[in-house]
């Protein structure tokens, strides 16, 4: 009743004062608000955009709020350099075992699968192999990257194709969706289930380069979502992974796979495609080496996939940075048996 007796300008002022008060205590609640508030990164507080001194103002974008990896599952440069790299180099070899023997002496190749990646070009191949390590007590699943110019082009063309619902956890681009399930049904499932039965207590290392990074991401999500392995048993690391799914998939991946790292080399162009404008978002955590990767000098990006930050801060691309990781030509190292 009191409001009816107040002047209009006073009522308007009271309402305006309430709306301008951005009292949210966390980035997640602030950046998800619909009242004009957003998270100002420089001040680390919730405010109106006009009051923010930072160029980074998160509004309706709570996914990109900064956070740190789970302290129990930290990034390991040695794992990337000494484990993931030789596992991935071996994917390009007609016979993975020599690479494994020379770099990972207790790791043994088990089996492999080769399929056409999609319905559109039967010469466009996806490849994976499985292995096991009796010393490290781990099952390995490795996915090969792009094998030629057409596959790179096909990844880019993925933005023109439909998305598929992946296990009700998010939408995945058709190209990656098909590639994973074609591999899974053609032999990868049988290999994983056999190794799981023989080594039920082992951890699972899942790695992928380029296109293989997207397949590794889907594989890790599939194994956890289907209850085949506990999340804590999985170590997933990718090199030069393209954007794979929508923000819902990214959020699920972040919440359910604690050891999940996307390594990006300097000006590698592939992590920037397909573009965010087609409703795709990288999952965490990006590990950005803004250098030649000869030493353990890297940035753990706290954002999900924020334009202008970490690898997204670069506008110049260099394809050699996609083919070379940890100062090694990933797809050529096998030619010397990874010596």
C-alpha atoms as a PDB file:
ATOM      1  CA  UNK A   1       0.000   0.000   0.000  1.00  0.00           C
ATOM      2  CA  UNK A   2       2.931   2.293   0.761  1.00  0.00           C
ATOM      3  CA  UNK A   3       4.177   2.055  -2.813  1.00  0.00           C
ATOM      4  CA  UNK A   4       1.001   3.680  -4.126  1.00  0.00           C
ATOM      5  CA  UNK A   5       1.825   6.813  -2.119  1.00  0.00           C
ATOM      6  CA  UNK A   6       5.442   7.131  -3.353  1.00  0.00           C
ATOM      7  CA  UNK A   7       6.360   9.402  -6.287  1.00  0.00           C
ATOM      8  CA  UNK A   8       7.099   7.546  -9.526  1.00  0.00           C
ATOM      9  CA  UNK A   9      10.702   8.787  -9.701  1.00  0.00           C
ATOM     10  CA  UNK A  10      11.371   7.448  -6.185  1.00  0.00           C
ATOM     11  CA  UNK A  11       9.925   4.036  -7.021  1.00  0.00           C
ATOM     12  CA  UNK A  12      12.035   3.967 -10.199  1.00  0.00           C
ATOM     13  CA  UNK A  13      15.132   4.945  -8.211  1.00  0.00           C
ATOM     14  CA  UNK A  14      14.585   2.188  -5.673  1.00  0.00           C
ATOM     15  CA  UNK A  15      14.143  -0.399  -8.395  1.00  0.00           C
ATOM     16  CA  UNK A  16      17.163   0.882 -10.270  1.00  0.00           C
ATOM     17  CA  UNK A  17      19.242   0.747  -7.107  1.00  0.00           C
ATOM     18  CA  UNK A  18      18.305  -2.859  -6.556  1.00  0.00           C
ATOM     19  CA  UNK A  19      19.132  -3.788 -10.135  1.00  0.00           C
ATOM     20  CA  UNK A  20      22.520  -2.089 -10.012  1.00  0.00           C
ATOM     21  CA  UNK A  21      23.523  -3.966  -6.881  1.00  0.00           C
ATOM     22  CA  UNK A  22      25.462  -6.998  -8.174  1.00  0.00           C
ATOM     23  CA  UNK A  23      25.837  -8.852  -4.942  1.00  0.00           C
ATOM     24  CA  UNK A  24      26.632 -12.314  -6.317  1.00  0.00           C
ATOM     25  CA  UNK A  25      29.561 -13.839  -4.468  1.00  0.00           C
ATOM     26  CA  UNK A  26      30.862 -16.240  -7.128  1.00  0.00           C
ATOM     27  CA  UNK A  27      31.770 -15.926 -10.790  1.00  0.00           C
ATOM     28  CA  UNK A  28      29.437 -18.795 -11.680  1.00  0.00           C
ATOM     29  CA  UNK A  29      26.333 -17.214 -10.113  1.00  0.00           C
ATOM     30  CA  UNK A  30      27.227 -13.723 -11.332  1.00  0.00           C
ATOM     31  CA  UNK A  31      28.017 -14.667 -14.944  1.00  0.00           C
ATOM     32  CA  UNK A  32      24.784 -16.669 -15.146  1.00  0.00           C
ATOM     33  CA  UNK A  33      22.645 -13.768 -13.911  1.00  0.00           C
ATOM     34  CA  UNK A  34      20.093 -12.129 -16.198  1.00  0.00           C
ATOM     35  CA  UNK A  35      19.962  -8.720 -14.501  1.00  0.00           C
ATOM     36  CA  UNK A  36      22.850  -7.073 -16.360  1.00  0.00           C
ATOM     37  CA  UNK A  37      25.511  -8.170 -13.910  1.00  0.00           C
ATOM     38  CA  UNK A  38      28.702  -9.926 -14.963  1.00  0.00           C
ATOM     39  CA  UNK A  39      32.012 -11.076 -13.579  1.00  0.00           C
ATOM     40  CA  UNK A  40      34.891  -8.621 -13.907  1.00  0.00           C
ATOM     41  CA  UNK A  41      38.118 -10.607 -14.048  1.00  0.00           C
ATOM     42  CA  UNK A  42      40.546  -7.827 -13.087  1.00  0.00           C
ATOM     43  CA  UNK A  43      38.605  -6.897  -9.964  1.00  0.00           C
ATOM     44  CA  UNK A  44      37.466 -10.490  -9.367  1.00  0.00           C
ATOM     45  CA  UNK A  45      34.004  -9.290  -8.445  1.00  0.00           C
ATOM     46  CA  UNK A  46      30.486  -9.019  -9.775  1.00  0.00           C
ATOM     47  CA  UNK A  47      29.575  -5.673 -11.292  1.00  0.00           C
ATOM     48  CA  UNK A  48      27.904  -3.839 -14.151  1.00  0.00           C
ATOM     49  CA  UNK A  49      29.962  -3.706 -17.329  1.00  0.00           C
ATOM     50  CA  UNK A  50      30.390   0.066 -17.050  1.00  0.00           C
ATOM     51  CA  UNK A  51      32.037  -0.402 -13.655  1.00  0.00           C
ATOM     52  CA  UNK A  52      34.451  -3.101 -14.851  1.00  0.00           C
ATOM     53  CA  UNK A  53      38.040  -2.032 -15.563  1.00  0.00           C
ATOM     54  CA  UNK A  54      38.873  -5.325 -17.276  1.00  0.00           C
ATOM     55  CA  UNK A  55      38.489  -6.133 -20.953  1.00  0.00           C
ATOM     56  CA  UNK A  56      37.210  -9.513 -19.806  1.00  0.00           C
ATOM     57  CA  UNK A  57      33.633  -9.235 -18.622  1.00  0.00           C
ATOM     58  CA  UNK A  58      31.783 -12.530 -18.352  1.00  0.00           C
ATOM     59  CA  UNK A  59      28.072 -12.073 -18.876  1.00  0.00           C
ATOM     60  CA  UNK A  60      25.751 -15.009 -19.585  1.00  0.00           C
ATOM     61  CA  UNK A  61      28.912 -17.122 -19.789  1.00  0.00           C
ATOM     62  CA  UNK A  62      29.424 -18.936 -16.508  1.00  0.00           C
ATOM     63  CA  UNK A  63      31.264 -21.787 -18.241  1.00  0.00           C
ATOM     64  CA  UNK A  64      34.335 -19.604 -18.746  1.00  0.00           C
ATOM     65  CA  UNK A  65      34.653 -18.642 -15.097  1.00  0.00           C
ATOM     66  CA  UNK A  66      38.258 -19.329 -14.039  1.00  0.00           C
ATOM     67  CA  UNK A  67      38.987 -22.455 -12.081  1.00  0.00           C
ATOM     68  CA  UNK A  68      41.896 -24.757 -11.346  1.00  0.00           C
ATOM     69  CA  UNK A  69      42.340 -28.478 -12.039  1.00  0.00           C
ATOM     70  CA  UNK A  70      41.578 -30.972  -9.312  1.00  0.00           C
ATOM     71  CA  UNK A  71      44.639 -30.961  -7.042  1.00  0.00           C
ATOM     72  CA  UNK A  72      44.516 -34.759  -6.870  1.00  0.00           C
ATOM     73  CA  UNK A  73      44.884 -35.014 -10.664  1.00  0.00           C
ATOM     74  CA  UNK A  74      47.519 -32.422 -11.662  1.00  0.00           C
ATOM     75  CA  UNK A  75      48.906 -31.978 -15.149  1.00  0.00           C
ATOM     76  CA  UNK A  76      52.172 -33.849 -15.686  1.00  0.00           C
ATOM     77  CA  UNK A  77      54.591 -32.616 -18.359  1.00  0.00           C
ATOM     78  CA  UNK A  78      56.547 -35.858 -18.050  1.00  0.00           C
ATOM     79  CA  UNK A  79      53.427 -37.912 -18.768  1.00  0.00           C
ATOM     80  CA  UNK A  80      52.815 -35.880 -21.924  1.00  0.00           C
ATOM     81  CA  UNK A  81      56.426 -35.945 -23.060  1.00  0.00           C
ATOM     82  CA  UNK A  82      57.410 -39.502 -22.129  1.00  0.00           C
ATOM     83  CA  UNK A  83      54.116 -41.398 -22.286  1.00  0.00           C
ATOM     84  CA  UNK A  84      51.506 -39.684 -24.487  1.00  0.00           C
ATOM     85  CA  UNK A  85      53.982 -38.649 -27.209  1.00  0.00           C
ATOM     86  CA  UNK A  86      55.358 -42.142 -27.974  1.00  0.00           C
ATOM     87  CA  UNK A  87      51.874 -43.657 -27.703  1.00  0.00           C
ATOM     88  CA  UNK A  88      50.672 -41.177 -30.313  1.00  0.00           C
ATOM     89  CA  UNK A  89      53.710 -41.503 -32.571  1.00  0.00           C
ATOM     90  CA  UNK A  90      53.025 -45.238 -32.670  1.00  0.00           C
ATOM     91  CA  UNK A  91      49.525 -44.635 -34.079  1.00  0.00           C
ATOM     92  CA  UNK A  92      51.092 -43.522 -37.373  1.00  0.00           C
ATOM     93  CA  UNK A  93      53.191 -46.677 -37.719  1.00  0.00           C
ATOM     94  CA  UNK A  94      52.036 -49.797 -39.584  1.00  0.00           C
ATOM     95  CA  UNK A  95      53.357 -51.672 -36.532  1.00  0.00           C
ATOM     96  CA  UNK A  96      53.177 -49.779 -33.206  1.00  0.00           C
ATOM     97  CA  UNK A  97      55.308 -52.258 -31.229  1.00  0.00           C
ATOM     98  CA  UNK A  98      58.821 -50.972 -32.213  1.00  0.00           C
ATOM     99  CA  UNK A  99      57.942 -47.461 -31.001  1.00  0.00           C
ATOM    100  CA  UNK A 100      56.487 -48.865 -27.815  1.00  0.00           C
ATOM    101  CA  UNK A 101      59.503 -51.108 -27.230  1.00  0.00           C
ATOM    102  CA  UNK A 102      62.031 -48.300 -27.688  1.00  0.00           C
ATOM    103  CA  UNK A 103      60.253 -45.697 -25.575  1.00  0.00           C
ATOM    104  CA  UNK A 104      57.996 -47.693 -23.234  1.00  0.00           C
ATOM    105  CA  UNK A 105      59.795 -50.971 -22.690  1.00  0.00           C
ATOM    106  CA  UNK A 106      57.043 -52.566 -20.584  1.00  0.00           C
ATOM    107  CA  UNK A 107      54.178 -51.560 -22.896  1.00  0.00           C
ATOM    108  CA  UNK A 108      52.819 -54.171 -25.298  1.00  0.00           C
ATOM    109  CA  UNK A 109      50.669 -53.620 -28.373  1.00  0.00           C
ATOM    110  CA  UNK A 110      47.400 -55.578 -28.247  1.00  0.00           C
ATOM    111  CA  UNK A 111      45.269 -54.852 -31.323  1.00  0.00           C
ATOM    112  CA  UNK A 112      44.151 -52.114 -33.714  1.00  0.00           C
ATOM    113  CA  UNK A 113      41.081 -50.926 -35.622  1.00  0.00           C
ATOM    114  CA  UNK A 114      40.853 -49.046 -38.919  1.00  0.00           C
ATOM    115  CA  UNK A 115      37.562 -47.739 -40.351  1.00  0.00           C
ATOM    116  CA  UNK A 116      36.210 -45.104 -42.720  1.00  0.00           C
ATOM    117  CA  UNK A 117      35.550 -42.047 -40.544  1.00  0.00           C
ATOM    118  CA  UNK A 118      32.216 -41.096 -42.052  1.00  0.00           C
ATOM    119  CA  UNK A 119      29.661 -41.778 -44.757  1.00  0.00           C
ATOM    120  CA  UNK A 120      30.907 -39.088 -47.096  1.00  0.00           C
ATOM    121  CA  UNK A 121      34.333 -40.314 -48.155  1.00  0.00           C
ATOM    122  CA  UNK A 122      35.331 -43.941 -47.798  1.00  0.00           C
ATOM    123  CA  UNK A 123      39.037 -43.080 -48.155  1.00  0.00           C
ATOM    124  CA  UNK A 124      38.914 -40.923 -45.023  1.00  0.00           C
ATOM    125  CA  UNK A 125      40.191 -43.228 -42.244  1.00  0.00           C
ATOM    126  CA  UNK A 126      40.073 -43.269 -38.453  1.00  0.00           C
ATOM    127  CA  UNK A 127      42.484 -45.505 -36.529  1.00  0.00           C
ATOM    128  CA  UNK A 128      43.004 -46.632 -32.961  1.00  0.00           C
ATOM    129  CA  UNK A 129      45.055 -49.245 -31.168  1.00  0.00           C
ATOM    130  CA  UNK A 130      45.075 -50.712 -27.694  1.00  0.00           C
ATOM    131  CA  UNK A 131      48.008 -51.760 -25.531  1.00  0.00           C
ATOM    132  CA  UNK A 132      48.791 -52.654 -21.929  1.00  0.00           C
ATOM    133  CA  UNK A 133      51.641 -52.051 -19.516  1.00  0.00           C
ATOM    134  CA  UNK A 134      52.345 -54.588 -16.800  1.00  0.00           C
ATOM    135  CA  UNK A 135      54.712 -52.301 -14.896  1.00  0.00           C
ATOM    136  CA  UNK A 136      52.523 -49.195 -14.881  1.00  0.00           C
ATOM    137  CA  UNK A 137      49.401 -51.338 -14.530  1.00  0.00           C
ATOM    138  CA  UNK A 138      47.599 -49.496 -17.279  1.00  0.00           C
ATOM    139  CA  UNK A 139      45.509 -50.165 -20.369  1.00  0.00           C
ATOM    140  CA  UNK A 140      46.279 -47.782 -23.250  1.00  0.00           C
ATOM    141  CA  UNK A 141      43.931 -46.542 -25.980  1.00  0.00           C
ATOM    142  CA  UNK A 142      45.492 -44.318 -28.651  1.00  0.00           C
ATOM    143  CA  UNK A 143      43.811 -42.526 -31.558  1.00  0.00           C
ATOM    144  CA  UNK A 144      45.613 -41.392 -34.697  1.00  0.00           C
ATOM    145  CA  UNK A 145      45.319 -37.871 -36.026  1.00  0.00           C
ATOM    146  CA  UNK A 146      44.632 -36.546 -39.474  1.00  0.00           C
ATOM    147  CA  UNK A 147      46.490 -38.516 -42.137  1.00  0.00           C
ATOM    148  CA  UNK A 148      46.216 -36.085 -45.048  1.00  0.00           C
ATOM    149  CA  UNK A 149      44.914 -32.810 -46.377  1.00  0.00           C
ATOM    150  CA  UNK A 150      41.422 -34.138 -46.987  1.00  0.00           C
ATOM    151  CA  UNK A 151      40.938 -35.179 -43.386  1.00  0.00           C
ATOM    152  CA  UNK A 152      41.958 -31.715 -42.216  1.00  0.00           C
ATOM    153  CA  UNK A 153      39.495 -30.258 -44.700  1.00  0.00           C
ATOM    154  CA  UNK A 154      36.814 -32.695 -43.599  1.00  0.00           C
ATOM    155  CA  UNK A 155      37.232 -31.568 -39.990  1.00  0.00           C
ATOM    156  CA  UNK A 156      36.635 -27.994 -41.075  1.00  0.00           C
ATOM    157  CA  UNK A 157      33.618 -29.075 -43.096  1.00  0.00           C
ATOM    158  CA  UNK A 158      32.231 -30.643 -39.943  1.00  0.00           C
ATOM    159  CA  UNK A 159      30.714 -27.247 -39.142  1.00  0.00           C
ATOM    160  CA  UNK A 160      28.347 -27.768 -42.072  1.00  0.00           C
ATOM    161  CA  UNK A 161      27.057 -31.123 -40.857  1.00  0.00           C
ATOM    162  CA  UNK A 162      24.604 -31.993 -38.162  1.00  0.00           C
ATOM    163  CA  UNK A 163      25.284 -32.620 -34.493  1.00  0.00           C
ATOM    164  CA  UNK A 164      24.358 -35.850 -32.722  1.00  0.00           C
ATOM    165  CA  UNK A 165      23.181 -36.438 -29.167  1.00  0.00           C
ATOM    166  CA  UNK A 166      26.022 -38.241 -27.404  1.00  0.00           C
ATOM    167  CA  UNK A 167      24.685 -40.394 -24.550  1.00  0.00           C
ATOM    168  CA  UNK A 168      22.395 -37.534 -23.475  1.00  0.00           C
ATOM    169  CA  UNK A 169      25.373 -35.542 -22.177  1.00  0.00           C
ATOM    170  CA  UNK A 170      25.671 -33.101 -25.061  1.00  0.00           C
ATOM    171  CA  UNK A 171      25.758 -32.588 -28.809  1.00  0.00           C
ATOM    172  CA  UNK A 172      28.772 -33.812 -30.787  1.00  0.00           C
ATOM    173  CA  UNK A 173      29.681 -32.941 -34.329  1.00  0.00           C
ATOM    174  CA  UNK A 174      28.603 -35.664 -36.737  1.00  0.00           C
ATOM    175  CA  UNK A 175      32.122 -36.271 -38.085  1.00  0.00           C
ATOM    176  CA  UNK A 176      33.584 -37.042 -34.638  1.00  0.00           C
ATOM    177  CA  UNK A 177      30.481 -38.915 -33.472  1.00  0.00           C
ATOM    178  CA  UNK A 178      30.618 -41.280 -36.451  1.00  0.00           C
ATOM    179  CA  UNK A 179      34.381 -41.730 -36.243  1.00  0.00           C
ATOM    180  CA  UNK A 180      34.225 -42.879 -32.630  1.00  0.00           C
ATOM    181  CA  UNK A 181      31.257 -45.218 -32.956  1.00  0.00           C
ATOM    182  CA  UNK A 182      32.535 -46.755 -36.196  1.00  0.00           C
ATOM    183  CA  UNK A 183      35.797 -47.581 -34.418  1.00  0.00           C
ATOM    184  CA  UNK A 184      34.024 -48.772 -31.268  1.00  0.00           C
ATOM    185  CA  UNK A 185      31.712 -51.167 -33.084  1.00  0.00           C
ATOM    186  CA  UNK A 186      34.363 -52.398 -35.531  1.00  0.00           C
ATOM    187  CA  UNK A 187      36.701 -53.775 -32.896  1.00  0.00           C
ATOM    188  CA  UNK A 188      37.679 -51.237 -30.255  1.00  0.00           C
ATOM    189  CA  UNK A 189      34.863 -52.291 -27.929  1.00  0.00           C
ATOM    190  CA  UNK A 190      35.912 -55.952 -28.015  1.00  0.00           C
ATOM    191  CA  UNK A 191      39.542 -55.016 -27.328  1.00  0.00           C
ATOM    192  CA  UNK A 192      38.678 -52.765 -24.396  1.00  0.00           C
ATOM    193  CA  UNK A 193      36.312 -55.286 -22.848  1.00  0.00           C
ATOM    194  CA  UNK A 194      38.893 -58.075 -23.133  1.00  0.00           C
ATOM    195  CA  UNK A 195      41.635 -55.983 -21.531  1.00  0.00           C
ATOM    196  CA  UNK A 196      39.198 -54.853 -18.832  1.00  0.00           C
ATOM    197  CA  UNK A 197      38.429 -58.472 -18.015  1.00  0.00           C
ATOM    198  CA  UNK A 198      42.090 -59.519 -17.908  1.00  0.00           C
ATOM    199  CA  UNK A 199      43.279 -56.416 -16.011  1.00  0.00           C
ATOM    200  CA  UNK A 200      40.261 -55.238 -13.967  1.00  0.00           C
ATOM    201  CA  UNK A 201      42.267 -53.034 -11.579  1.00  0.00           C
ATOM    202  CA  UNK A 202      44.344 -51.216 -14.189  1.00  0.00           C
ATOM    203  CA  UNK A 203      44.195 -47.516 -14.977  1.00  0.00           C
ATOM    204  CA  UNK A 204      43.294 -46.417 -18.513  1.00  0.00           C
ATOM    205  CA  UNK A 205      45.437 -43.999 -20.518  1.00  0.00           C
ATOM    206  CA  UNK A 206      43.543 -42.422 -23.431  1.00  0.00           C
ATOM    207  CA  UNK A 207      45.451 -40.234 -25.886  1.00  0.00           C
ATOM    208  CA  UNK A 208      44.798 -38.671 -29.278  1.00  0.00           C
ATOM    209  CA  UNK A 209      46.355 -36.238 -31.731  1.00  0.00           C
ATOM    210  CA  UNK A 210      44.336 -33.869 -33.945  1.00  0.00           C
ATOM    211  CA  UNK A 211      41.141 -35.672 -35.042  1.00  0.00           C
ATOM    212  CA  UNK A 212      42.277 -38.405 -32.646  1.00  0.00           C
ATOM    213  CA  UNK A 213      42.010 -35.905 -29.803  1.00  0.00           C
ATOM    214  CA  UNK A 214      38.275 -35.602 -30.362  1.00  0.00           C
ATOM    215  CA  UNK A 215      37.965 -39.389 -30.537  1.00  0.00           C
ATOM    216  CA  UNK A 216      39.950 -39.731 -27.297  1.00  0.00           C
ATOM    217  CA  UNK A 217      37.652 -37.203 -25.626  1.00  0.00           C
ATOM    218  CA  UNK A 218      34.571 -39.173 -26.683  1.00  0.00           C
ATOM    219  CA  UNK A 219      36.152 -42.454 -25.658  1.00  0.00           C
ATOM    220  CA  UNK A 220      36.893 -41.206 -22.141  1.00  0.00           C
ATOM    221  CA  UNK A 221      33.352 -39.847 -21.821  1.00  0.00           C
ATOM    222  CA  UNK A 222      31.868 -43.096 -23.111  1.00  0.00           C
ATOM    223  CA  UNK A 223      33.829 -45.314 -20.703  1.00  0.00           C
ATOM    224  CA  UNK A 224      32.786 -43.198 -17.718  1.00  0.00           C
ATOM    225  CA  UNK A 225      29.169 -42.642 -18.748  1.00  0.00           C
ATOM    226  CA  UNK A 226      28.647 -46.361 -19.397  1.00  0.00           C
ATOM    227  CA  UNK A 227      30.245 -47.240 -16.055  1.00  0.00           C
ATOM    228  CA  UNK A 228      33.010 -49.314 -17.640  1.00  0.00           C
ATOM    229  CA  UNK A 229      35.741 -47.558 -15.639  1.00  0.00           C
ATOM    230  CA  UNK A 230      35.755 -45.260 -12.638  1.00  0.00           C
ATOM    231  CA  UNK A 231      36.578 -41.635 -13.518  1.00  0.00           C
ATOM    232  CA  UNK A 232      39.603 -41.715 -11.211  1.00  0.00           C
ATOM    233  CA  UNK A 233      41.084 -44.566 -13.266  1.00  0.00           C
ATOM    234  CA  UNK A 234      41.249 -42.545 -16.478  1.00  0.00           C
ATOM    235  CA  UNK A 235      44.068 -40.320 -17.699  1.00  0.00           C
ATOM    236  CA  UNK A 236      43.081 -38.497 -20.874  1.00  0.00           C
ATOM    237  CA  UNK A 237      45.494 -36.262 -22.763  1.00  0.00           C
ATOM    238  CA  UNK A 238      45.155 -34.878 -26.276  1.00  0.00           C
ATOM    239  CA  UNK A 239      47.431 -32.915 -28.605  1.00  0.00           C
ATOM    240  CA  UNK A 240      45.931 -30.331 -30.984  1.00  0.00           C
ATOM    241  CA  UNK A 241      42.320 -31.392 -30.419  1.00  0.00           C
ATOM    242  CA  UNK A 242      39.581 -29.666 -32.467  1.00  0.00           C
ATOM    243  CA  UNK A 243      36.439 -28.395 -30.763  1.00  0.00           C
ATOM    244  CA  UNK A 244      34.328 -31.498 -30.342  1.00  0.00           C
ATOM    245  CA  UNK A 245      30.965 -30.777 -28.712  1.00  0.00           C
ATOM    246  CA  UNK A 246      28.688 -28.118 -27.292  1.00  0.00           C
ATOM    247  CA  UNK A 247      28.945 -26.410 -23.913  1.00  0.00           C
ATOM    248  CA  UNK A 248      26.741 -29.054 -22.270  1.00  0.00           C
ATOM    249  CA  UNK A 249      29.187 -31.750 -23.342  1.00  0.00           C
ATOM    250  CA  UNK A 250      32.092 -29.609 -22.132  1.00  0.00           C
ATOM    251  CA  UNK A 251      30.458 -29.123 -18.718  1.00  0.00           C
ATOM    252  CA  UNK A 252      29.781 -32.847 -18.359  1.00  0.00           C
ATOM    253  CA  UNK A 253      33.329 -33.702 -19.372  1.00  0.00           C
ATOM    254  CA  UNK A 254      34.780 -31.238 -16.850  1.00  0.00           C
ATOM    255  CA  UNK A 255      32.610 -32.604 -14.050  1.00  0.00           C
ATOM    256  CA  UNK A 256      33.238 -36.295 -14.686  1.00  0.00           C
ATOM    257  CA  UNK A 257      36.809 -36.755 -15.956  1.00  0.00           C
ATOM    258  CA  UNK A 258      39.240 -35.235 -13.453  1.00  0.00           C
ATOM    259  CA  UNK A 259      42.456 -36.001 -15.387  1.00  0.00           C
ATOM    260  CA  UNK A 260      41.574 -34.353 -18.698  1.00  0.00           C
ATOM    261  CA  UNK A 261      44.135 -32.158 -20.449  1.00  0.00           C
ATOM    262  CA  UNK A 262      44.216 -30.660 -23.939  1.00  0.00           C
ATOM    263  CA  UNK A 263      47.803 -29.821 -24.841  1.00  0.00           C
ATOM    264  CA  UNK A 264      48.123 -27.003 -27.401  1.00  0.00           C
ATOM    265  CA  UNK A 265      51.400 -26.087 -29.092  1.00  0.00           C
ATOM    266  CA  UNK A 266      51.895 -22.340 -29.625  1.00  0.00           C
ATOM    267  CA  UNK A 267      50.145 -21.432 -32.933  1.00  0.00           C
ATOM    268  CA  UNK A 268      48.529 -24.788 -33.716  1.00  0.00           C
ATOM    269  CA  UNK A 269      45.444 -23.908 -35.823  1.00  0.00           C
ATOM    270  CA  UNK A 270      43.393 -27.085 -35.319  1.00  0.00           C
ATOM    271  CA  UNK A 271      42.188 -26.299 -31.740  1.00  0.00           C
ATOM    272  CA  UNK A 272      40.465 -23.227 -33.224  1.00  0.00           C
ATOM    273  CA  UNK A 273      38.192 -25.204 -35.560  1.00  0.00           C
ATOM    274  CA  UNK A 274      35.307 -25.586 -35.906  1.00  0.00           C
ATOM    275  CA  UNK A 275      34.629 -22.057 -34.574  1.00  0.00           C
ATOM    276  CA  UNK A 276      32.630 -21.293 -31.443  1.00  0.00           C
ATOM    277  CA  UNK A 277      30.067 -19.534 -33.631  1.00  0.00           C
ATOM    278  CA  UNK A 278      28.638 -22.933 -34.573  1.00  0.00           C
ATOM    279  CA  UNK A 279      27.852 -23.642 -30.898  1.00  0.00           C
ATOM    280  CA  UNK A 280      30.961 -25.602 -30.003  1.00  0.00           C
ATOM    281  CA  UNK A 281      33.056 -25.223 -26.859  1.00  0.00           C
ATOM    282  CA  UNK A 282      36.290 -26.878 -25.714  1.00  0.00           C
ATOM    283  CA  UNK A 283      36.246 -28.762 -22.443  1.00  0.00           C
ATOM    284  CA  UNK A 284      38.935 -28.158 -19.841  1.00  0.00           C
ATOM    285  CA  UNK A 285      41.853 -28.023 -19.220  1.00  0.00           C
ATOM    286  CA  UNK A 286      43.946 -26.408 -21.903  1.00  0.00           C
ATOM    287  CA  UNK A 287      47.701 -26.688 -21.390  1.00  0.00           C
ATOM    288  CA  UNK A 288      49.262 -24.055 -23.607  1.00  0.00           C
ATOM    289  CA  UNK A 289      52.933 -24.182 -24.552  1.00  0.00           C
ATOM    290  CA  UNK A 290      53.588 -20.749 -26.065  1.00  0.00           C
ATOM    291  CA  UNK A 291      57.046 -21.912 -27.153  1.00  0.00           C
ATOM    292  CA  UNK A 292      58.882 -24.771 -28.890  1.00  0.00           C
ATOM    293  CA  UNK A 293      57.939 -27.258 -26.122  1.00  0.00           C
ATOM    294  CA  UNK A 294      61.569 -28.142 -25.402  1.00  0.00           C
ATOM    295  CA  UNK A 295      61.080 -27.536 -21.674  1.00  0.00           C
ATOM    296  CA  UNK A 296      58.256 -27.756 -19.147  1.00  0.00           C
ATOM    297  CA  UNK A 297      57.257 -24.126 -19.702  1.00  0.00           C
ATOM    298  CA  UNK A 298      53.477 -23.998 -20.049  1.00  0.00           C
ATOM    299  CA  UNK A 299      50.312 -22.249 -18.942  1.00  0.00           C
ATOM    300  CA  UNK A 300      47.385 -24.051 -17.340  1.00  0.00           C
ATOM    301  CA  UNK A 301      44.488 -22.095 -18.792  1.00  0.00           C
ATOM    302  CA  UNK A 302      41.858 -21.458 -16.090  1.00  0.00           C
ATOM    303  CA  UNK A 303      39.078 -20.769 -18.600  1.00  0.00           C
ATOM    304  CA  UNK A 304      37.008 -23.248 -20.545  1.00  0.00           C
ATOM    305  CA  UNK A 305      37.361 -21.744 -24.024  1.00  0.00           C
ATOM    306  CA  UNK A 306      37.513 -17.975 -23.637  1.00  0.00           C
ATOM    307  CA  UNK A 307      38.223 -15.954 -26.768  1.00  0.00           C
ATOM    308  CA  UNK A 308      41.262 -13.714 -26.323  1.00  0.00           C
ATOM    309  CA  UNK A 309      42.866 -15.864 -23.637  1.00  0.00           C
ATOM    310  CA  UNK A 310      45.563 -18.560 -23.703  1.00  0.00           C
ATOM    311  CA  UNK A 311      45.797 -20.177 -27.165  1.00  0.00           C
ATOM    312  CA  UNK A 312      42.726 -18.174 -28.195  1.00  0.00           C
ATOM    313  CA  UNK A 313      44.791 -14.984 -27.796  1.00  0.00           C
ATOM    314  CA  UNK A 314      46.686 -15.720 -31.023  1.00  0.00           C
ATOM    315  CA  UNK A 315      45.382 -14.687 -34.408  1.00  0.00           C
ATOM    316  CA  UNK A 316      48.320 -16.042 -36.433  1.00  0.00           C
ATOM    317  CA  UNK A 317      48.411 -19.795 -37.035  1.00  0.00           C
ATOM    318  CA  UNK A 318      51.236 -22.108 -38.019  1.00  0.00           C
ATOM    319  CA  UNK A 319      50.474 -25.645 -39.174  1.00  0.00           C
ATOM    320  CA  UNK A 320      53.947 -26.929 -38.234  1.00  0.00           C
ATOM    321  CA  UNK A 321      52.928 -26.376 -34.634  1.00  0.00           C
ATOM    322  CA  UNK A 322      50.156 -28.914 -35.188  1.00  0.00           C
ATOM    323  CA  UNK A 323      52.462 -31.594 -36.559  1.00  0.00           C
ATOM    324  CA  UNK A 324      55.181 -31.031 -33.936  1.00  0.00           C
ATOM    325  CA  UNK A 325      54.663 -31.598 -30.227  1.00  0.00           C
ATOM    326  CA  UNK A 326      57.399 -31.739 -27.594  1.00  0.00           C
ATOM    327  CA  UNK A 327      59.913 -30.817 -30.305  1.00  0.00           C
ATOM    328  CA  UNK A 328      59.026 -33.977 -32.252  1.00  0.00           C
ATOM    329  CA  UNK A 329      57.273 -34.601 -35.570  1.00  0.00           C
ATOM    330  CA  UNK A 330      54.452 -36.714 -34.165  1.00  0.00           C
ATOM    331  CA  UNK A 331      53.478 -38.459 -37.403  1.00  0.00           C
ATOM    332  CA  UNK A 332      57.075 -39.110 -38.571  1.00  0.00           C
ATOM    333  CA  UNK A 333      58.866 -40.308 -35.441  1.00  0.00           C
ATOM    334  CA  UNK A 334      57.796 -43.900 -36.088  1.00  0.00           C
ATOM    335  CA  UNK A 335      60.028 -43.981 -39.185  1.00  0.00           C
ATOM    336  CA  UNK A 336      63.035 -44.326 -36.884  1.00  0.00           C
ATOM    337  CA  UNK A 337      61.112 -46.661 -34.556  1.00  0.00           C
ATOM    338  CA  UNK A 338      60.856 -43.717 -32.137  1.00  0.00           C
ATOM    339  CA  UNK A 339      64.576 -43.780 -31.386  1.00  0.00           C
END
